[in-house]
Amino acid sequence: MHWLGVRLVEAAKEGHTVYYHELSKPLQLTNYRLLSEPLGELSELAMDNGFPPISAVVINVTDQLPGAGFFKLVGRKLRGYEIPEQEWQPFFAEMLAEVFAWDDWDDFLEVLDETYGSDLPATRAAGTGRTAHPDLARTVEQDLQAEEIEEGRIEGGVVEYYGRRYERDPENRRRAIEIHGLNCVVCGFNFEEVYGPRGRDFIEVHHVKPLKAFEGVAQVVDPKVDLVPICANCHRMIHRRHDSVLTPDQLRRIVEEQRATRSPGHRPMR
């Protein structure tokens, strides 16, 4: 329980959600539904001590919402009744915003210690030192941070939830592909041409509107203007720097410039 509580606190402090399977695998649970009781216990412990329901950070991959047990337990605790399914989304958004806005989660770690004791395993291996290449270490750290932003780790909260939801919505993706095709809008890469049948009909979808523009509010998305097909490499390069996210057009110009420098008649500047 202590380990699970610490993982939830980390997610809450960093402003990102966690999928059920990301917690069940380390705990060697054969079914993620077995998390329902301990997650409920942690949220109840949090609310009993004046904290928001911390298990709001744990969601399903399919609908991007907590399980039904969350709405039963937290609804009864805070509202006096189970939250009906048609109200799940706004209630979840409210609870998640409270969790992310809370700035005293370190105090909850003390509650966890007092309640369960510390069962955290040692995480630092003996003899591991700093890398011999500090610039490389910095680059890797920046890349990991950028990946966390894209997966909802830092940009966070309801804003990131909506942005990723639109990209991962099957209907949005299908319509975007029907409209724009399967070639990357930046470099022209086509997965089927390179990987054959395994790559057929595959392409990632990029949301062209900055996620901050959502401000935590769901919006109508037009796949014709808001979504574009983009290969995994270009998608990663667009989001590589969290303080300098590129547009597809900006990255396309970089790709074209790089291709020009490799043309037969090109001479590098001296």
C-alpha atoms as a PDB file:
ATOM      1  CA  MET A   1       0.000   0.000   0.000  1.00  0.00           C
ATOM      2  CA  HIS A   2       2.822   2.383   0.836  1.00  0.00           C
ATOM      3  CA  TRP A   3       4.449   1.836  -2.571  1.00  0.00           C
ATOM      4  CA  LEU A   4       1.141   2.410  -4.341  1.00  0.00           C
ATOM      5  CA  GLY A   5       0.446   5.550  -2.332  1.00  0.00           C
ATOM      6  CA  VAL A   6       3.866   6.988  -3.150  1.00  0.00           C
ATOM      7  CA  ARG A   7       3.321   6.337  -6.868  1.00  0.00           C
ATOM      8  CA  LEU A   8       0.034   8.250  -6.713  1.00  0.00           C
ATOM      9  CA  VAL A   9       1.652  11.137  -4.853  1.00  0.00           C
ATOM     10  CA  GLU A  10       4.392  11.322  -7.502  1.00  0.00           C
ATOM     11  CA  ALA A  11       1.784  11.501 -10.243  1.00  0.00           C
ATOM     12  CA  ALA A  12      -0.230  14.131  -8.369  1.00  0.00           C
ATOM     13  CA  LYS A  13       2.813  16.324  -7.739  1.00  0.00           C
ATOM     14  CA  GLU A  14       4.015  16.056 -11.338  1.00  0.00           C
ATOM     15  CA  GLY A  15       0.545  16.693 -12.756  1.00  0.00           C
ATOM     16  CA  HIS A  16      -0.015  13.499 -14.738  1.00  0.00           C
ATOM     17  CA  THR A  17      -2.386  10.568 -14.777  1.00  0.00           C
ATOM     18  CA  VAL A  18      -1.445   6.879 -14.547  1.00  0.00           C
ATOM     19  CA  TYR A  19      -3.053   3.907 -16.266  1.00  0.00           C
ATOM     20  CA  TYR A  20      -4.240   0.967 -14.188  1.00  0.00           C
ATOM     21  CA  HIS A  21      -1.920  -1.451 -15.975  1.00  0.00           C
ATOM     22  CA  GLU A  22       1.091   0.727 -15.166  1.00  0.00           C
ATOM     23  CA  LEU A  23       0.443   0.023 -11.489  1.00  0.00           C
ATOM     24  CA  SER A  24      -0.805  -3.566 -11.658  1.00  0.00           C
ATOM     25  CA  LYS A  25       2.277  -4.890 -13.503  1.00  0.00           C
ATOM     26  CA  PRO A  26       4.871  -3.806 -10.897  1.00  0.00           C
ATOM     27  CA  LEU A  27       2.591  -5.264  -8.216  1.00  0.00           C
ATOM     28  CA  GLN A  28       2.324  -8.508 -10.239  1.00  0.00           C
ATOM     29  CA  LEU A  29      -1.463  -8.387 -10.218  1.00  0.00           C
ATOM     30  CA  THR A  30      -3.078 -10.627 -12.814  1.00  0.00           C
ATOM     31  CA  ASN A  31      -6.080  -8.304 -13.138  1.00  0.00           C
ATOM     32  CA  TYR A  32      -5.954  -4.529 -12.825  1.00  0.00           C
ATOM     33  CA  ARG A  33      -9.414  -4.618 -11.218  1.00  0.00           C
ATOM     34  CA  LEU A  34      -7.682  -5.920  -8.113  1.00  0.00           C
ATOM     35  CA  LEU A  35      -6.448  -2.349  -7.658  1.00  0.00           C
ATOM     36  CA  SER A  36      -9.953  -1.095  -6.987  1.00  0.00           C
ATOM     37  CA  GLU A  37      -9.939  -1.820  -3.246  1.00  0.00           C
ATOM     38  CA  PRO A  38      -6.445  -0.445  -2.415  1.00  0.00           C
ATOM     39  CA  LEU A  39      -7.033   2.647  -4.558  1.00  0.00           C
ATOM     40  CA  GLY A  40     -10.316   3.249  -2.797  1.00  0.00           C
ATOM     41  CA  GLU A  41      -8.605   2.832   0.562  1.00  0.00           C
ATOM     42  CA  LEU A  42      -5.934   5.386  -0.389  1.00  0.00           C
ATOM     43  CA  SER A  43      -8.508   7.916  -1.553  1.00  0.00           C
ATOM     44  CA  GLU A  44     -10.529   7.398   1.604  1.00  0.00           C
ATOM     45  CA  LEU A  45      -7.387   7.865   3.693  1.00  0.00           C
ATOM     46  CA  ALA A  46      -6.639  11.057   1.783  1.00  0.00           C
ATOM     47  CA  MET A  47     -10.134  12.492   2.187  1.00  0.00           C
ATOM     48  CA  ASP A  48     -10.286  11.533   5.890  1.00  0.00           C
ATOM     49  CA  ASN A  49      -7.140  13.618   6.391  1.00  0.00           C
ATOM     50  CA  GLY A  50      -8.316  16.643   4.412  1.00  0.00           C
ATOM     51  CA  PHE A  51      -6.723  15.832   1.047  1.00  0.00           C
ATOM     52  CA  PRO A  52      -8.458  15.467  -2.339  1.00  0.00           C
ATOM     53  CA  PRO A  53      -9.226  11.898  -3.551  1.00  0.00           C
ATOM     54  CA  ILE A  54      -5.772  10.959  -4.797  1.00  0.00           C
ATOM     55  CA  SER A  55      -6.877   7.911  -6.810  1.00  0.00           C
ATOM     56  CA  ALA A  56      -8.334  10.355  -9.368  1.00  0.00           C
ATOM     57  CA  VAL A  57      -4.933  10.164 -11.092  1.00  0.00           C
ATOM     58  CA  VAL A  58      -5.521   6.491 -12.037  1.00  0.00           C
ATOM     59  CA  ILE A  59      -7.513   6.047 -15.245  1.00  0.00           C
ATOM     60  CA  ASN A  60      -8.493   3.480 -17.863  1.00  0.00           C
ATOM     61  CA  VAL A  61      -6.820   3.449 -21.268  1.00  0.00           C
ATOM     62  CA  THR A  62     -10.129   3.123 -23.102  1.00  0.00           C
ATOM     63  CA  ASP A  63     -12.260   5.958 -21.744  1.00  0.00           C
ATOM     64  CA  GLN A  64      -9.567   7.935 -19.896  1.00  0.00           C
ATOM     65  CA  LEU A  65     -11.657   7.839 -16.717  1.00  0.00           C
ATOM     66  CA  PRO A  66     -11.298   6.132 -13.318  1.00  0.00           C
ATOM     67  CA  GLY A  67     -13.293   2.983 -12.686  1.00  0.00           C
ATOM     68  CA  ALA A  68     -16.891   3.006 -11.507  1.00  0.00           C
ATOM     69  CA  GLY A  69     -15.762   2.382  -7.928  1.00  0.00           C
ATOM     70  CA  PHE A  70     -14.143   5.815  -7.804  1.00  0.00           C
ATOM     71  CA  PHE A  71     -17.433   7.561  -8.536  1.00  0.00           C
ATOM     72  CA  LYS A  72     -19.265   5.437  -5.979  1.00  0.00           C
ATOM     73  CA  LEU A  73     -16.781   5.907  -3.144  1.00  0.00           C
ATOM     74  CA  VAL A  74     -15.814   9.532  -3.719  1.00  0.00           C
ATOM     75  CA  GLY A  75     -19.366  10.530  -4.598  1.00  0.00           C
ATOM     76  CA  ARG A  76     -20.719   9.104  -1.361  1.00  0.00           C
ATOM     77  CA  LYS A  77     -17.897  10.659   0.630  1.00  0.00           C
ATOM     78  CA  LEU A  78     -18.096  14.161  -0.842  1.00  0.00           C
ATOM     79  CA  ARG A  79     -21.643  14.441  -2.186  1.00  0.00           C
ATOM     80  CA  GLY A  80     -23.574  11.882  -0.182  1.00  0.00           C
ATOM     81  CA  TYR A  81     -24.578   9.853  -3.253  1.00  0.00           C
ATOM     82  CA  GLU A  82     -23.050   7.787  -6.048  1.00  0.00           C
ATOM     83  CA  ILE A  83     -22.188   9.936  -9.064  1.00  0.00           C
ATOM     84  CA  PRO A  84     -24.387   8.853 -12.018  1.00  0.00           C
ATOM     85  CA  GLU A  85     -22.555   7.826 -15.162  1.00  0.00           C
ATOM     86  CA  GLN A  86     -23.728  10.834 -17.178  1.00  0.00           C
ATOM     87  CA  GLU A  87     -21.938  13.079 -14.658  1.00  0.00           C
ATOM     88  CA  TRP A  88     -18.682  11.127 -14.486  1.00  0.00           C
ATOM     89  CA  GLN A  89     -16.693  13.325 -16.857  1.00  0.00           C
ATOM     90  CA  PRO A  90     -17.316  16.729 -15.187  1.00  0.00           C
ATOM     91  CA  PHE A  91     -16.963  15.202 -11.700  1.00  0.00           C
ATOM     92  CA  PHE A  92     -13.673  13.557 -12.683  1.00  0.00           C
ATOM     93  CA  ALA A  93     -12.390  16.801 -14.207  1.00  0.00           C
ATOM     94  CA  GLU A  94     -13.216  18.634 -10.978  1.00  0.00           C
ATOM     95  CA  MET A  95     -11.538  16.043  -8.751  1.00  0.00           C
ATOM     96  CA  LEU A  96      -8.449  15.758 -10.956  1.00  0.00           C
ATOM     97  CA  ALA A  97      -8.034  19.525 -11.011  1.00  0.00           C
ATOM     98  CA  GLU A  98      -8.151  19.574  -7.206  1.00  0.00           C
ATOM     99  CA  VAL A  99      -5.560  16.814  -6.973  1.00  0.00           C
ATOM    100  CA  PHE A 100      -3.192  18.584  -9.362  1.00  0.00           C
ATOM    101  CA  ALA A 101      -3.682  21.947  -7.654  1.00  0.00           C
ATOM    102  CA  TRP A 102      -2.955  20.587  -4.168  1.00  0.00           C
ATOM    103  CA  ASP A 103       0.488  21.690  -2.991  1.00  0.00           C
ATOM    104  CA  ASP A 104       0.917  19.728   0.258  1.00  0.00           C
ATOM    105  CA  TRP A 105       1.184  16.138  -0.967  1.00  0.00           C
ATOM    106  CA  ASP A 106       4.397  15.723   1.014  1.00  0.00           C
ATOM    107  CA  ASP A 107       2.193  15.881   4.100  1.00  0.00           C
ATOM    108  CA  PHE A 108       0.239  12.918   2.766  1.00  0.00           C
ATOM    109  CA  LEU A 109       3.490  10.956   2.504  1.00  0.00           C
ATOM    110  CA  GLU A 110       3.782  11.347   6.284  1.00  0.00           C
ATOM    111  CA  VAL A 111       0.248   9.992   6.632  1.00  0.00           C
ATOM    112  CA  LEU A 112       1.268   6.996   4.491  1.00  0.00           C
ATOM    113  CA  ASP A 113       4.314   6.385   6.689  1.00  0.00           C
ATOM    114  CA  GLU A 114       2.213   6.522   9.847  1.00  0.00           C
ATOM    115  CA  THR A 115      -0.513   4.274   8.403  1.00  0.00           C
ATOM    116  CA  TYR A 116       1.431   1.643   6.476  1.00  0.00           C
ATOM    117  CA  GLY A 117       5.089   2.133   7.311  1.00  0.00           C
ATOM    118  CA  SER A 118       7.686   2.440   4.584  1.00  0.00           C
ATOM    119  CA  ASP A 119       7.962  -0.612   2.351  1.00  0.00           C
ATOM    120  CA  LEU A 120       9.858   1.089  -0.456  1.00  0.00           C
ATOM    121  CA  PRO A 121      12.686  -1.007  -1.926  1.00  0.00           C
ATOM    122  CA  ALA A 122      16.129   0.460  -2.417  1.00  0.00           C
ATOM    123  CA  THR A 123      16.260   2.107  -5.820  1.00  0.00           C
ATOM    124  CA  ARG A 124      19.889   3.232  -6.152  1.00  0.00           C
ATOM    125  CA  ALA A 125      22.418   0.646  -7.242  1.00  0.00           C
ATOM    126  CA  ALA A 126      25.836   0.733  -5.602  1.00  0.00           C
ATOM    127  CA  GLY A 127      28.640   2.095  -7.736  1.00  0.00           C
ATOM    128  CA  THR A 128      26.441   4.064 -10.137  1.00  0.00           C
ATOM    129  CA  GLY A 129      27.988   7.451 -10.712  1.00  0.00           C
ATOM    130  CA  ARG A 130      27.433  10.413 -12.978  1.00  0.00           C
ATOM    131  CA  THR A 131      27.799   9.874 -16.680  1.00  0.00           C
ATOM    132  CA  ALA A 132      31.135  10.847 -18.155  1.00  0.00           C
ATOM    133  CA  HIS A 133      29.322  13.069 -20.677  1.00  0.00           C
ATOM    134  CA  PRO A 134      27.245  15.709 -18.869  1.00  0.00           C
ATOM    135  CA  ASP A 135      25.978  17.181 -22.153  1.00  0.00           C
ATOM    136  CA  LEU A 136      24.620  13.801 -23.188  1.00  0.00           C
ATOM    137  CA  ALA A 137      22.975  13.348 -19.809  1.00  0.00           C
ATOM    138  CA  ARG A 138      21.313  16.738 -20.154  1.00  0.00           C
ATOM    139  CA  THR A 139      20.061  15.879 -23.631  1.00  0.00           C
ATOM    140  CA  VAL A 140      18.621  12.565 -22.479  1.00  0.00           C
ATOM    141  CA  GLU A 141      16.919  14.275 -19.551  1.00  0.00           C
ATOM    142  CA  GLN A 142      15.348  16.840 -21.879  1.00  0.00           C
ATOM    143  CA  ASP A 143      14.161  14.093 -24.233  1.00  0.00           C
ATOM    144  CA  LEU A 144      12.548  12.166 -21.401  1.00  0.00           C
ATOM    145  CA  GLN A 145      10.888  15.313 -20.134  1.00  0.00           C
ATOM    146  CA  ALA A 146       9.510  16.024 -23.602  1.00  0.00           C
ATOM    147  CA  GLU A 147       8.124  12.478 -23.815  1.00  0.00           C
ATOM    148  CA  GLU A 148       6.461  12.940 -20.429  1.00  0.00           C
ATOM    149  CA  ILE A 149       4.797  16.117 -21.672  1.00  0.00           C
ATOM    150  CA  GLU A 150       3.445  14.352 -24.744  1.00  0.00           C
ATOM    151  CA  GLU A 151       2.090  11.522 -22.590  1.00  0.00           C
ATOM    152  CA  GLY A 152       0.460  13.825 -20.130  1.00  0.00           C
ATOM    153  CA  ARG A 153       3.149  13.889 -17.464  1.00  0.00           C
ATOM    154  CA  ILE A 154       3.980  17.593 -17.227  1.00  0.00           C
ATOM    155  CA  GLU A 155       1.644  19.621 -19.398  1.00  0.00           C
ATOM    156  CA  GLY A 156      -0.795  17.809 -17.254  1.00  0.00           C
ATOM    157  CA  GLY A 157      -4.237  17.964 -15.897  1.00  0.00           C
ATOM    158  CA  VAL A 158      -7.440  18.250 -17.821  1.00  0.00           C
ATOM    159  CA  VAL A 159      -5.709  20.232 -20.574  1.00  0.00           C
ATOM    160  CA  GLU A 160      -3.454  17.347 -21.562  1.00  0.00           C
ATOM    161  CA  TYR A 161      -6.285  14.869 -21.091  1.00  0.00           C
ATOM    162  CA  TYR A 162      -8.381  16.570 -23.734  1.00  0.00           C
ATOM    163  CA  GLY A 163      -5.497  17.009 -26.164  1.00  0.00           C
ATOM    164  CA  ARG A 164      -4.471  13.364 -26.059  1.00  0.00           C
ATOM    165  CA  ARG A 165      -8.072  12.190 -26.051  1.00  0.00           C
ATOM    166  CA  TYR A 166      -8.701  13.856 -29.400  1.00  0.00           C
ATOM    167  CA  GLU A 167      -5.604  12.298 -30.957  1.00  0.00           C
ATOM    168  CA  ARG A 168      -6.448   8.845 -29.602  1.00  0.00           C
ATOM    169  CA  ASP A 169     -10.126   8.902 -30.423  1.00  0.00           C
ATOM    170  CA  PRO A 170     -10.649   6.157 -33.058  1.00  0.00           C
ATOM    171  CA  GLU A 171     -13.239   8.146 -34.981  1.00  0.00           C
ATOM    172  CA  ASN A 172     -11.087  11.269 -35.103  1.00  0.00           C
ATOM    173  CA  ARG A 173      -8.091   9.260 -36.264  1.00  0.00           C
ATOM    174  CA  ARG A 174     -10.076   7.434 -38.931  1.00  0.00           C
ATOM    175  CA  ARG A 175     -11.543  10.645 -40.317  1.00  0.00           C
ATOM    176  CA  ALA A 176      -8.172  12.380 -40.282  1.00  0.00           C
ATOM    177  CA  ILE A 177      -6.633   9.521 -42.283  1.00  0.00           C
ATOM    178  CA  GLU A 178      -9.520   9.496 -44.746  1.00  0.00           C
ATOM    179  CA  ILE A 179      -9.067  13.222 -45.315  1.00  0.00           C
ATOM    180  CA  HIS A 180      -5.274  13.535 -45.277  1.00  0.00           C
ATOM    181  CA  GLY A 181      -4.053  10.066 -46.218  1.00  0.00           C
ATOM    182  CA  LEU A 182      -1.349   7.899 -44.675  1.00  0.00           C
ATOM    183  CA  ASN A 183       1.768   9.827 -45.639  1.00  0.00           C
ATOM    184  CA  CYS A 184       3.501  11.921 -43.000  1.00  0.00           C
ATOM    185  CA  VAL A 185       2.713  15.581 -43.678  1.00  0.00           C
ATOM    186  CA  VAL A 186       6.265  16.521 -42.703  1.00  0.00           C
ATOM    187  CA  CYS A 187       8.586  14.052 -44.444  1.00  0.00           C
ATOM    188  CA  GLY A 188       6.232  11.984 -46.622  1.00  0.00           C
ATOM    189  CA  PHE A 189       7.073   8.702 -44.879  1.00  0.00           C
ATOM    190  CA  ASN A 190       4.601   5.872 -45.506  1.00  0.00           C
ATOM    191  CA  PHE A 191       4.690   2.898 -43.148  1.00  0.00           C
ATOM    192  CA  GLU A 192       3.332   0.359 -45.633  1.00  0.00           C
ATOM    193  CA  GLU A 193       5.933   1.269 -48.257  1.00  0.00           C
ATOM    194  CA  VAL A 194       8.708   0.495 -45.764  1.00  0.00           C
ATOM    195  CA  TYR A 195       7.215  -2.241 -43.574  1.00  0.00           C
ATOM    196  CA  GLY A 196       4.803  -3.901 -45.977  1.00  0.00           C
ATOM    197  CA  PRO A 197       1.563  -5.393 -44.596  1.00  0.00           C
ATOM    198  CA  ARG A 198       2.693  -4.769 -41.015  1.00  0.00           C
ATOM    199  CA  GLY A 199       2.679  -1.043 -41.662  1.00  0.00           C
ATOM    200  CA  ARG A 200      -0.584  -0.930 -43.590  1.00  0.00           C
ATOM    201  CA  ASP A 201      -2.991   1.825 -42.519  1.00  0.00           C
ATOM    202  CA  PHE A 202      -0.698   2.968 -39.734  1.00  0.00           C
ATOM    203  CA  ILE A 203       0.194   6.571 -39.015  1.00  0.00           C
ATOM    204  CA  GLU A 204       0.179   8.654 -35.870  1.00  0.00           C
ATOM    205  CA  VAL A 205      -2.109  11.670 -35.614  1.00  0.00           C
ATOM    206  CA  HIS A 206      -0.931  15.053 -34.388  1.00  0.00           C
ATOM    207  CA  HIS A 207      -3.159  17.730 -32.887  1.00  0.00           C
ATOM    208  CA  VAL A 208      -2.076  21.028 -34.425  1.00  0.00           C
ATOM    209  CA  LYS A 209      -3.684  23.258 -31.762  1.00  0.00           C
ATOM    210  CA  PRO A 210      -1.427  23.978 -28.752  1.00  0.00           C
ATOM    211  CA  LEU A 211      -2.707  22.028 -25.762  1.00  0.00           C
ATOM    212  CA  LYS A 212      -2.677  25.129 -23.569  1.00  0.00           C
ATOM    213  CA  ALA A 213      -5.426  26.535 -25.778  1.00  0.00           C
ATOM    214  CA  PHE A 214      -7.851  23.975 -24.352  1.00  0.00           C
ATOM    215  CA  GLU A 215      -7.720  25.455 -20.827  1.00  0.00           C
ATOM    216  CA  GLY A 216      -9.280  22.274 -19.471  1.00  0.00           C
ATOM    217  CA  VAL A 217     -12.424  22.522 -21.572  1.00  0.00           C
ATOM    218  CA  ALA A 218     -13.524  19.971 -24.169  1.00  0.00           C
ATOM    219  CA  GLN A 219     -13.839  21.419 -27.654  1.00  0.00           C
ATOM    220  CA  VAL A 220     -15.230  20.317 -30.982  1.00  0.00           C
ATOM    221  CA  VAL A 221     -12.418  18.981 -33.149  1.00  0.00           C
ATOM    222  CA  ASP A 222     -12.483  19.101 -36.931  1.00  0.00           C
ATOM    223  CA  PRO A 223     -10.140  16.361 -38.243  1.00  0.00           C
ATOM    224  CA  LYS A 224      -9.756  18.328 -41.488  1.00  0.00           C
ATOM    225  CA  VAL A 225      -8.060  21.301 -39.837  1.00  0.00           C
ATOM    226  CA  ASP A 226      -7.136  20.183 -36.304  1.00  0.00           C
ATOM    227  CA  LEU A 227      -5.550  16.769 -36.935  1.00  0.00           C
ATOM    228  CA  VAL A 228      -2.786  15.748 -39.338  1.00  0.00           C
ATOM    229  CA  PRO A 229      -1.068  12.390 -40.028  1.00  0.00           C
ATOM    230  CA  ILE A 230       2.539  12.328 -38.942  1.00  0.00           C
ATOM    231  CA  CYS A 231       5.161   9.597 -38.590  1.00  0.00           C
ATOM    232  CA  ALA A 232       6.534   8.667 -35.186  1.00  0.00           C
ATOM    233  CA  ASN A 233       9.947  10.216 -35.878  1.00  0.00           C
ATOM    234  CA  CYS A 234       8.544  13.581 -36.897  1.00  0.00           C
ATOM    235  CA  HIS A 235       6.022  13.493 -34.046  1.00  0.00           C
ATOM    236  CA  ARG A 236       8.853  13.030 -31.600  1.00  0.00           C
ATOM    237  CA  MET A 237      10.883  15.863 -33.123  1.00  0.00           C
ATOM    238  CA  ILE A 238       7.908  18.236 -32.955  1.00  0.00           C
ATOM    239  CA  HIS A 239       7.596  17.652 -29.204  1.00  0.00           C
ATOM    240  CA  ARG A 240      11.266  17.111 -28.367  1.00  0.00           C
ATOM    241  CA  ARG A 241      11.641  20.442 -26.567  1.00  0.00           C
ATOM    242  CA  HIS A 242       8.793  21.366 -24.250  1.00  0.00           C
ATOM    243  CA  ASP A 243       9.741  25.041 -24.464  1.00  0.00           C
ATOM    244  CA  SER A 244       9.945  24.989 -28.262  1.00  0.00           C
ATOM    245  CA  VAL A 245       7.224  22.790 -29.731  1.00  0.00           C
ATOM    246  CA  LEU A 246       7.257  23.054 -33.519  1.00  0.00           C
ATOM    247  CA  THR A 247       4.424  23.179 -35.997  1.00  0.00           C
ATOM    248  CA  PRO A 248       4.440  20.599 -38.804  1.00  0.00           C
ATOM    249  CA  ASP A 249       5.323  23.390 -41.270  1.00  0.00           C
ATOM    250  CA  GLN A 250       8.310  24.457 -39.190  1.00  0.00           C
ATOM    251  CA  LEU A 251       9.620  20.898 -38.977  1.00  0.00           C
ATOM    252  CA  ARG A 252       8.995  20.407 -42.712  1.00  0.00           C
ATOM    253  CA  ARG A 253      11.268  23.368 -43.468  1.00  0.00           C
ATOM    254  CA  ILE A 254      13.980  21.826 -41.292  1.00  0.00           C
ATOM    255  CA  VAL A 255      13.639  18.498 -43.122  1.00  0.00           C
ATOM    256  CA  GLU A 256      13.787  20.213 -46.512  1.00  0.00           C
ATOM    257  CA  GLU A 257      16.867  22.189 -45.507  1.00  0.00           C
ATOM    258  CA  GLN A 258      18.598  19.033 -44.314  1.00  0.00           C
ATOM    259  CA  ARG A 259      17.731  17.224 -47.537  1.00  0.00           C
ATOM    260  CA  ALA A 260      19.117  20.138 -49.533  1.00  0.00           C
ATOM    261  CA  THR A 261      22.450  19.933 -47.699  1.00  0.00           C
ATOM    262  CA  ARG A 262      22.725  16.282 -48.766  1.00  0.00           C
ATOM    263  CA  SER A 263      21.991  16.943 -52.452  1.00  0.00           C
ATOM    264  CA  PRO A 264      24.828  16.027 -54.912  1.00  0.00           C
ATOM    265  CA  GLY A 265      25.584  19.601 -55.929  1.00  0.00           C
ATOM    266  CA  HIS A 266      25.642  21.044 -52.441  1.00  0.00           C
ATOM    267  CA  ARG A 267      28.870  22.458 -51.054  1.00  0.00           C
ATOM    268  CA  PRO A 268      29.056  23.099 -47.310  1.00  0.00           C
ATOM    269  CA  MET A 269      29.713  26.688 -46.263  1.00  0.00           C
ATOM    270  CA  ARG A 270      33.220  27.449 -44.978  1.00  0.00           C
END
